PDB file of N, CA and C in Angstrom:
ATOM      1  N   MET A   1       0.511  -1.024   0.274  1.00  0.00           N
ATOM      2  CA  MET A   1      -0.044   0.138  -0.135  1.00  0.00           C
ATOM      3  C   MET A   1       0.984   1.097   0.185  1.00  0.00           C
ATOM      4  N   TYR A   2       0.423   2.125  -0.757  1.00  0.00           N
ATOM      5  CA  TYR A   2       0.976   3.507  -0.690  1.00  0.00           C
ATOM      6  C   TYR A   2       0.160   4.765  -0.221  1.00  0.00           C
ATOM      7  N   LYS A   3       0.555   5.517   0.465  1.00  0.00           N
ATOM      8  CA  LYS A   3      -0.553   6.751   1.381  1.00  0.00           C
ATOM      9  C   LYS A   3      -0.342   7.520   0.377  1.00  0.00           C
ATOM     10  N   LEU A   4      -1.329   8.296  -0.633  1.00  0.00           N
ATOM     11  CA  LEU A   4      -0.529   9.838  -1.007  1.00  0.00           C
ATOM     12  C   LEU A   4      -0.804  10.870  -0.003  1.00  0.00           C
ATOM     13  N   PRO A   5      -0.390  12.172  -0.400  1.00  0.00           N
ATOM     14  CA  PRO A   5      -0.706  13.318   0.659  1.00  0.00           C
ATOM     15  C   PRO A   5      -1.774  13.323   0.905  1.00  0.00           C
ATOM     16  N   ASN A   6      -2.960  13.522   0.303  1.00  0.00           N
ATOM     17  CA  ASN A   6      -4.414  13.902   0.676  1.00  0.00           C
ATOM     18  C   ASN A   6      -4.801  11.949   1.786  1.00  0.00           C
ATOM     19  N   GLY A   7      -4.113  11.325   1.787  1.00  0.00           N
ATOM     20  CA  GLY A   7      -4.326  10.261   2.661  1.00  0.00           C
ATOM     21  C   GLY A   7      -4.945   9.301   1.991  1.00  0.00           C
ATOM     22  N   ARG A   8      -5.125   9.257   0.953  1.00  0.00           N
ATOM     23  CA  ARG A   8      -5.364   8.201   0.320  1.00  0.00           C
ATOM     24  C   ARG A   8      -4.724   7.149  -0.295  1.00  0.00           C
ATOM     25  N   GLN A   9      -5.179   5.630  -0.072  1.00  0.00           N
ATOM     26  CA  GLN A   9      -4.101   4.789  -0.190  1.00  0.00           C
ATOM     27  C   GLN A   9      -4.071   4.129  -1.346  1.00  0.00           C
ATOM     28  N   LEU A  10      -3.206   3.210  -2.046  1.00  0.00           N
ATOM     29  CA  LEU A  10      -3.542   3.048  -3.275  1.00  0.00           C
ATOM     30  C   LEU A  10      -2.407   1.510  -3.208  1.00  0.00           C
ATOM     31  N   LYS A  11      -3.033   0.418  -3.929  1.00  0.00           N
ATOM     32  CA  LYS A  11      -2.462  -0.845  -4.374  1.00  0.00           C
ATOM     33  C   LYS A  11      -1.331  -0.825  -5.034  1.00  0.00           C
ATOM     34  N   LEU A  12       0.302  -0.652  -4.912  1.00  0.00           N
ATOM     35  CA  LEU A  12       0.901  -0.341  -5.926  1.00  0.00           C
ATOM     36  C   LEU A  12       0.765  -1.775  -6.938  1.00  0.00           C
ATOM     37  N   GLU A  13       0.558  -2.645  -6.429  1.00  0.00           N
ATOM     38  CA  GLU A  13       0.453  -3.946  -7.238  1.00  0.00           C
ATOM     39  C   GLU A  13      -0.467  -3.998  -8.414  1.00  0.00           C
ATOM     40  N   GLU A  14      -1.646  -2.973  -8.107  1.00  0.00           N
ATOM     41  CA  GLU A  14      -2.767  -2.668  -8.916  1.00  0.00           C
ATOM     42  C   GLU A  14      -2.311  -1.348 -10.297  1.00  0.00           C
ATOM     43  N   VAL A  15      -1.441  -0.833 -10.009  1.00  0.00           N
ATOM     44  CA  VAL A  15      -0.951   0.258 -10.738  1.00  0.00           C
ATOM     45  C   VAL A  15      -0.560  -0.268 -12.612  1.00  0.00           C
ATOM     46  N   GLU A  16      -1.122   0.535 -13.098  1.00  0.00           N
ATOM     47  CA  GLU A  16      -0.540   0.166 -14.511  1.00  0.00           C
ATOM     48  C   GLU A  16       0.512   1.094 -15.222  1.00  0.00           C
ATOM     49  N   SER A  17      -0.066   2.521 -15.106  1.00  0.00           N
ATOM     50  CA  SER A  17       1.048   3.177 -15.372  1.00  0.00           C
ATOM     51  C   SER A  17       1.036   4.839 -14.683  1.00  0.00           C
ATOM     52  N   VAL A  18       1.957   5.580 -14.976  1.00  0.00           N
ATOM     53  CA  VAL A  18       2.022   6.757 -14.111  1.00  0.00           C
ATOM     54  C   VAL A  18       2.175   7.972 -15.213  1.00  0.00           C
ATOM     55  N   SER A  19       1.587   9.342 -14.962  1.00  0.00           N
ATOM     56  CA  SER A  19       1.802  10.382 -16.112  1.00  0.00           C
ATOM     57  C   SER A  19       2.866  10.725 -15.683  1.00  0.00           C
ATOM     58  N   ARG A  20       3.144  11.851 -16.919  1.00  0.00           N
ATOM     59  CA  ARG A  20       4.073  12.748 -15.844  1.00  0.00           C
ATOM     60  C   ARG A  20       3.278  14.297 -15.544  1.00  0.00           C
ATOM     61  N   VAL A  21       4.128  15.040 -14.431  1.00  0.00           N
ATOM     62  CA  VAL A  21       3.613  15.687 -13.554  1.00  0.00           C
ATOM     63  C   VAL A  21       3.179  16.754 -15.066  1.00  0.00           C
ATOM     64  N   LYS A  22       2.009  17.750 -14.952  1.00  0.00           N
ATOM     65  CA  LYS A  22       1.523  18.180 -16.150  1.00  0.00           C
ATOM     66  C   LYS A  22       1.280  19.867 -15.364  1.00  0.00           C
ATOM     67  N   ASP A  23       1.049  20.639 -16.141  1.00  0.00           N
ATOM     68  CA  ASP A  23       0.241  21.837 -15.363  1.00  0.00           C
ATOM     69  C   ASP A  23      -1.045  21.833 -15.945  1.00  0.00           C
ATOM     70  N   LEU A  24      -2.223  21.678 -14.943  1.00  0.00           N
ATOM     71  CA  LEU A  24      -3.274  21.259 -15.621  1.00  0.00           C
ATOM     72  C   LEU A  24      -4.319  22.623 -15.541  1.00  0.00           C
ATOM     73  N   GLY A  25      -4.001  23.721 -15.365  1.00  0.00           N
ATOM     74  CA  GLY A  25      -4.740  25.139 -15.281  1.00  0.00           C
ATOM     75  C   GLY A  25      -5.086  25.849 -14.480  1.00  0.00           C
ATOM     76  N   GLN A  26      -5.590  27.115 -14.397  1.00  0.00           N
ATOM     77  CA  GLN A  26      -6.280  27.271 -13.559  1.00  0.00           C
ATOM     78  C   GLN A  26      -7.064  27.030 -12.516  1.00  0.00           C
ATOM     79  N   ASP A  27      -6.993  27.070 -11.420  1.00  0.00           N
ATOM     80  CA  ASP A  27      -8.181  26.540 -10.173  1.00  0.00           C
ATOM     81  C   ASP A  27      -9.080  27.430 -10.212  1.00  0.00           C
ATOM     82  N   THR A  28     -10.384  26.943 -10.892  1.00  0.00           N
ATOM     83  CA  THR A  28     -11.506  27.669 -10.590  1.00  0.00           C
ATOM     84  C   THR A  28     -12.122  27.850  -9.049  1.00  0.00           C
ATOM     85  N   SER A  29     -11.618  26.808  -8.143  1.00  0.00           N
ATOM     86  CA  SER A  29     -12.462  27.353  -6.642  1.00  0.00           C
ATOM     87  C   SER A  29     -11.401  28.751  -5.775  1.00  0.00           C
ATOM     88  N   THR A  30     -10.549  29.342  -6.798  1.00  0.00           N
ATOM     89  CA  THR A  30      -9.432  30.131  -6.044  1.00  0.00           C
ATOM     90  C   THR A  30      -8.782  31.025  -7.302  1.00  0.00           C
ATOM     91  N   ILE A  31      -8.938  32.484  -6.741  1.00  0.00           N
ATOM     92  CA  ILE A  31      -8.307  33.569  -7.409  1.00  0.00           C
ATOM     93  C   ILE A  31      -6.407  33.559  -7.081  1.00  0.00           C
ATOM     94  N   GLY A  32      -6.119  33.719  -8.577  1.00  0.00           N
ATOM     95  CA  GLY A  32      -4.561  33.612  -8.331  1.00  0.00           C
ATOM     96  C   GLY A  32      -3.988  31.938  -8.277  1.00  0.00           C
ATOM     97  N   TYR A  33      -4.597  31.146  -8.422  1.00  0.00           N
ATOM     98  CA  TYR A  33      -3.838  29.769  -8.263  1.00  0.00           C
ATOM     99  C   TYR A  33      -4.583  29.334  -9.308  1.00  0.00           C
ATOM    100  N   SER A  34      -3.155  28.332  -9.290  1.00  0.00           N
ATOM    101  CA  SER A  34      -3.304  27.514 -11.225  1.00  0.00           C
ATOM    102  C   SER A  34      -2.737  25.870  -9.898  1.00  0.00           C
ATOM    103  N   ARG A  35      -3.032  24.811 -11.458  1.00  0.00           N
ATOM    104  CA  ARG A  35      -3.079  23.184 -10.716  1.00  0.00           C
ATOM    105  C   ARG A  35      -1.827  22.525 -11.098  1.00  0.00           C
ATOM    106  N   LEU A  36      -0.747  21.735 -10.129  1.00  0.00           N
ATOM    107  CA  LEU A  36      -0.379  20.988 -11.297  1.00  0.00           C
ATOM    108  C   LEU A  36      -0.436  19.270 -10.642  1.00  0.00           C
ATOM    109  N   GLY A  37      -0.010  18.242 -11.806  1.00  0.00           N
ATOM    110  CA  GLY A  37      -0.363  17.135 -11.170  1.00  0.00           C
ATOM    111  C   GLY A  37       0.038  16.111 -12.068  1.00  0.00           C
ATOM    112  N   PHE A  38      -0.438  15.023 -11.550  1.00  0.00           N
ATOM    113  CA  PHE A  38      -0.488  13.830 -12.327  1.00  0.00           C
ATOM    114  C   PHE A  38      -1.112  12.967 -12.577  1.00  0.00           C
ATOM    115  N   SER A  39      -1.659  11.687 -13.173  1.00  0.00           N
ATOM    116  CA  SER A  39      -2.436  10.890 -13.029  1.00  0.00           C
ATOM    117  C   SER A  39      -1.963   9.232 -12.778  1.00  0.00           C
ATOM    118  N   ILE A  40      -2.550   8.407 -12.402  1.00  0.00           N
ATOM    119  CA  ILE A  40      -1.843   7.152 -11.649  1.00  0.00           C
ATOM    120  C   ILE A  40      -3.239   6.268 -12.677  1.00  0.00           C
ATOM    121  N   PHE A  41      -3.127   5.483 -13.448  1.00  0.00           N
ATOM    122  CA  PHE A  41      -4.105   4.141 -14.031  1.00  0.00           C
ATOM    123  C   PHE A  41      -3.750   3.479 -13.128  1.00  0.00           C
ATOM    124  N   MET A  42      -5.064   2.712 -13.193  1.00  0.00           N
ATOM    125  CA  MET A  42      -4.905   1.494 -12.322  1.00  0.00           C
ATOM    126  C   MET A  42      -5.387  -0.146 -13.331  1.00  0.00           C
ATOM    127  N   LYS A  43      -4.841  -0.855 -12.743  1.00  0.00           N
ATOM    128  CA  LYS A  43      -5.136  -1.917 -13.984  1.00  0.00           C
ATOM    129  C   LYS A  43      -6.789  -2.247 -14.422  1.00  0.00           C
ATOM    130  N   SER A  44      -7.412  -1.739 -13.118  1.00  0.00           N
ATOM    131  CA  SER A  44      -8.758  -1.766 -12.741  1.00  0.00           C
ATOM    132  C   SER A  44      -9.966  -0.698 -14.271  1.00  0.00           C
ATOM    133  N   GLY A  45      -8.659  -0.039 -14.522  1.00  0.00           N
ATOM    134  CA  GLY A  45      -9.580   0.991 -15.497  1.00  0.00           C
ATOM    135  C   GLY A  45      -9.897   2.324 -14.780  1.00  0.00           C
ATOM    136  N   ARG A  46      -9.697   2.615 -13.478  1.00  0.00           N
ATOM    137  CA  ARG A  46      -9.368   3.675 -12.433  1.00  0.00           C
ATOM    138  C   ARG A  46      -8.519   4.489 -12.827  1.00  0.00           C
ATOM    139  N   THR A  47      -8.882   5.846 -12.794  1.00  0.00           N
ATOM    140  CA  THR A  47      -7.682   7.192 -12.753  1.00  0.00           C
ATOM    141  C   THR A  47      -7.687   7.690 -11.075  1.00  0.00           C
ATOM    142  N   VAL A  48      -6.430   7.801 -10.769  1.00  0.00           N
ATOM    143  CA  VAL A  48      -6.325   8.347  -9.306  1.00  0.00           C
ATOM    144  C   VAL A  48      -5.593   9.708 -10.341  1.00  0.00           C
ATOM    145  N   ASP A  49      -6.103  10.729  -9.299  1.00  0.00           N
ATOM    146  CA  ASP A  49      -5.442  12.119  -9.642  1.00  0.00           C
ATOM    147  C   ASP A  49      -4.768  12.911  -8.784  1.00  0.00           C
ATOM    148  N   VAL A  50      -3.054  12.780  -8.621  1.00  0.00           N
ATOM    149  CA  VAL A  50      -2.616  13.408  -7.746  1.00  0.00           C
ATOM    150  C   VAL A  50      -2.537  15.000  -8.345  1.00  0.00           C
ATOM    151  N   VAL A  51      -3.096  15.825  -7.530  1.00  0.00           N
ATOM    152  CA  VAL A  51      -2.787  17.242  -7.429  1.00  0.00           C
ATOM    153  C   VAL A  51      -2.821  18.408  -6.889  1.00  0.00           C
ATOM    154  N   ASP A  52      -1.939  19.221  -7.282  1.00  0.00           N
ATOM    155  CA  ASP A  52      -1.752  20.816  -5.836  1.00  0.00           C
ATOM    156  C   ASP A  52      -1.470  21.705  -6.694  1.00  0.00           C
ATOM    157  N   LYS A  53      -2.140  22.583  -5.798  1.00  0.00           N
ATOM    158  CA  LYS A  53      -2.396  24.178  -6.206  1.00  0.00           C
ATOM    159  C   LYS A  53      -1.091  24.907  -5.761  1.00  0.00           C
ATOM    160  N   TYR A  54      -0.945  25.917  -6.659  1.00  0.00           N
ATOM    161  CA  TYR A  54       0.326  26.647  -7.009  1.00  0.00           C
ATOM    162  C   TYR A  54       0.372  27.990  -6.885  1.00  0.00           C
ATOM    163  N   HIS A  55       0.891  29.293  -5.822  1.00  0.00           N
ATOM    164  CA  HIS A  55       0.907  30.567  -7.018  1.00  0.00           C
ATOM    165  C   HIS A  55       1.406  31.050  -7.651  1.00  0.00           C
ATOM    166  N   PHE A  56       1.469  31.317  -8.878  1.00  0.00           N
ATOM    167  CA  PHE A  56       2.669  31.837  -9.969  1.00  0.00           C
ATOM    168  C   PHE A  56       4.246  31.747  -8.683  1.00  0.00           C
ATOM    169  N   SER A  57       4.641  32.474  -8.126  1.00  0.00           N
ATOM    170  CA  SER A  57       6.098  31.899  -7.453  1.00  0.00           C
ATOM    171  C   SER A  57       5.841  31.001  -6.720  1.00  0.00           C
ATOM    172  N   ASP A  58       5.553  30.440  -5.931  1.00  0.00           N
ATOM    173  CA  ASP A  58       5.690  28.570  -5.696  1.00  0.00           C
ATOM    174  C   ASP A  58       5.696  27.585  -6.898  1.00  0.00           C
ATOM    175  N   TRP A  59       5.355  28.080  -7.857  1.00  0.00           N
ATOM    176  CA  TRP A  59       5.587  26.521  -8.867  1.00  0.00           C
ATOM    177  C   TRP A  59       6.220  25.963  -8.505  1.00  0.00           C
ATOM    178  N   ALA A  60       7.621  25.741  -9.033  1.00  0.00           N
ATOM    179  CA  ALA A  60       9.372  25.036  -8.767  1.00  0.00           C
ATOM    180  C   ALA A  60       8.742  24.370  -7.117  1.00  0.00           C
ATOM    181  N   ASP A  61       8.287  24.634  -5.951  1.00  0.00           N
ATOM    182  CA  ASP A  61       8.435  24.442  -4.981  1.00  0.00           C
ATOM    183  C   ASP A  61       7.398  22.735  -5.179  1.00  0.00           C
ATOM    184  N   VAL A  62       6.171  23.232  -5.492  1.00  0.00           N
ATOM    185  CA  VAL A  62       5.094  22.183  -5.975  1.00  0.00           C
ATOM    186  C   VAL A  62       5.706  21.144  -6.934  1.00  0.00           C
ATOM    187  N   LYS A  63       6.220  21.525  -8.332  1.00  0.00           N
ATOM    188  CA  LYS A  63       6.437  20.525  -9.202  1.00  0.00           C
ATOM    189  C   LYS A  63       7.266  19.718  -8.304  1.00  0.00           C
ATOM    190  N   LYS A  64       8.494  20.097  -8.070  1.00  0.00           N
ATOM    191  CA  LYS A  64       9.459  19.646  -7.243  1.00  0.00           C
ATOM    192  C   LYS A  64       9.047  18.062  -6.620  1.00  0.00           C
ATOM    193  N   LYS A  65       8.260  18.525  -5.881  1.00  0.00           N
ATOM    194  CA  LYS A  65       7.055  17.990  -4.656  1.00  0.00           C
ATOM    195  C   LYS A  65       6.622  17.134  -5.112  1.00  0.00           C
ATOM    196  N   LEU A  66       6.276  17.144  -6.548  1.00  0.00           N
ATOM    197  CA  LEU A  66       5.248  16.193  -7.129  1.00  0.00           C
ATOM    198  C   LEU A  66       5.902  14.903  -7.648  1.00  0.00           C
ATOM    199  N   SER A  67       6.846  15.701  -8.232  1.00  0.00           N
ATOM    200  CA  SER A  67       7.973  14.921  -9.115  1.00  0.00           C
ATOM    201  C   SER A  67       8.620  13.927  -8.254  1.00  0.00           C
ATOM    202  N   LEU A  68       9.053  14.343  -6.621  1.00  0.00           N
ATOM    203  CA  LEU A  68       9.372  13.221  -5.723  1.00  0.00           C
ATOM    204  C   LEU A  68       8.402  11.962  -5.694  1.00  0.00           C
ATOM    205  N   ILE A  69       6.864  12.572  -5.313  1.00  0.00           N
ATOM    206  CA  ILE A  69       6.293  11.802  -5.271  1.00  0.00           C
ATOM    207  C   ILE A  69       5.512  10.662  -6.596  1.00  0.00           C
ATOM    208  N   ARG A  70       5.957  11.331  -7.863  1.00  0.00           N
ATOM    209  CA  ARG A  70       5.971  10.361  -8.785  1.00  0.00           C
ATOM    210  C   ARG A  70       6.732   9.772  -8.809  1.00  0.00           C
ATOM    211  N   GLU A  71       8.106   9.767  -8.883  1.00  0.00           N
ATOM    212  CA  GLU A  71       9.273   8.634  -8.859  1.00  0.00           C
ATOM    213  C   GLU A  71       9.175   7.892  -8.160  1.00  0.00           C
ATOM    214  N   GLU A  72       8.603   8.333  -6.459  1.00  0.00           N
ATOM    215  CA  GLU A  72       8.581   7.168  -5.665  1.00  0.00           C
ATOM    216  C   GLU A  72       7.436   6.050  -5.341  1.00  0.00           C
ATOM    217  N   ILE A  73       6.412   6.765  -6.154  1.00  0.00           N
ATOM    218  CA  ILE A  73       5.716   5.250  -6.959  1.00  0.00           C
ATOM    219  C   ILE A  73       5.877   4.695  -8.129  1.00  0.00           C
ATOM    220  N   VAL A  74       6.835   5.289  -9.008  1.00  0.00           N
ATOM    221  CA  VAL A  74       7.024   4.703  -9.969  1.00  0.00           C
ATOM    222  C   VAL A  74       7.780   3.987  -9.901  1.00  0.00           C
ATOM    223  N   ALA A  75       9.284   3.561  -8.875  1.00  0.00           N
ATOM    224  CA  ALA A  75      10.603   2.907  -8.358  1.00  0.00           C
ATOM    225  C   ALA A  75       9.442   1.791  -7.696  1.00  0.00           C
ATOM    226  N   LYS A  76       8.695   2.273  -6.409  1.00  0.00           N
ATOM    227  CA  LYS A  76       8.379   1.119  -6.416  1.00  0.00           C
ATOM    228  C   LYS A  76       7.322   0.185  -7.109  1.00  0.00           C
ATOM    229  N   VAL A  77       6.842   0.651  -8.058  1.00  0.00           N
ATOM    230  CA  VAL A  77       6.082  -0.244  -8.899  1.00  0.00           C
ATOM    231  C   VAL A  77       7.123  -0.917  -9.520  1.00  0.00           C
ATOM    232  N   HIS A  78       8.105  -0.239  -9.870  1.00  0.00           N
ATOM    233  CA  HIS A  78       9.166  -1.101 -11.228  1.00  0.00           C
ATOM    234  C   HIS A  78       9.349  -2.580 -10.253  1.00  0.00           C
ATOM    235  N   ALA A  79       9.811  -2.049  -8.749  1.00  0.00           N
ATOM    236  CA  ALA A  79      10.242  -3.114  -7.920  1.00  0.00           C
ATOM    237  C   ALA A  79       9.327  -3.910  -8.178  1.00  0.00           C
ATOM    238  N   ILE A  80       8.341  -3.995  -7.644  1.00  0.00           N
ATOM    239  CA  ILE A  80       7.160  -5.237  -7.537  1.00  0.00           C
ATOM    240  C   ILE A  80       6.685  -5.697  -8.948  1.00  0.00           C
ATOM    241  N   SER A  81       7.292  -5.117 -10.002  1.00  0.00           N
ATOM    242  CA  SER A  81       7.239  -5.482 -11.635  1.00  0.00           C
ATOM    243  C   SER A  81       8.465  -6.601 -11.470  1.00  0.00           C
ATOM    244  N   GLU A  82       9.641  -6.213 -11.007  1.00  0.00           N
ATOM    245  CA  GLU A  82      10.714  -6.827 -10.961  1.00  0.00           C
ATOM    246  C   GLU A  82      10.961  -8.036 -10.541  1.00  0.00           C
ATOM    247  N   THR A  83       9.869  -8.246  -8.934  1.00  0.00           N
ATOM    248  CA  THR A  83       9.698  -9.211  -8.220  1.00  0.00           C
ATOM    249  C   THR A  83       8.522 -10.490  -8.436  1.00  0.00           C
ATOM    250  N   GLU A  84       7.542  -9.706  -9.144  1.00  0.00           N
ATOM    251  CA  GLU A  84       6.362 -10.838  -9.465  1.00  0.00           C
ATOM    252  C   GLU A  84       7.264 -11.489 -10.846  1.00  0.00           C
ATOM    253  N   ALA A  85       8.397 -10.742 -11.451  1.00  0.00           N
ATOM    254  CA  ALA A  85       8.695 -11.897 -13.131  1.00  0.00           C
ATOM    255  C   ALA A  85       9.395 -12.462 -12.589  1.00  0.00           C
ATOM    256  N   SER A  86      10.312 -12.614 -11.362  1.00  0.00           N
ATOM    257  CA  SER A  86      11.554 -13.632 -10.507  1.00  0.00           C
ATOM    258  C   SER A  86      10.710 -15.010 -10.232  1.00  0.00           C
TER     259      SER A  86
END
């Protein structure tokens, strides 16, 4: 199991693929904020979105944080795949 920053848990063995971190545009629920995020595609066909808001001056920190989370998930899924292949 992997716990996302929002508290949601994922079974990593069910992850099919993970998208790159991308700019998702303006956050319509706030003024002056935009969104960065990535998607986790599950083998069941379900998609889990990992999104964080940022103000224009904070985008680099948010991108770094999301990139680290994404890289950790990808590495753990890869490790599980390697174990299952053995």
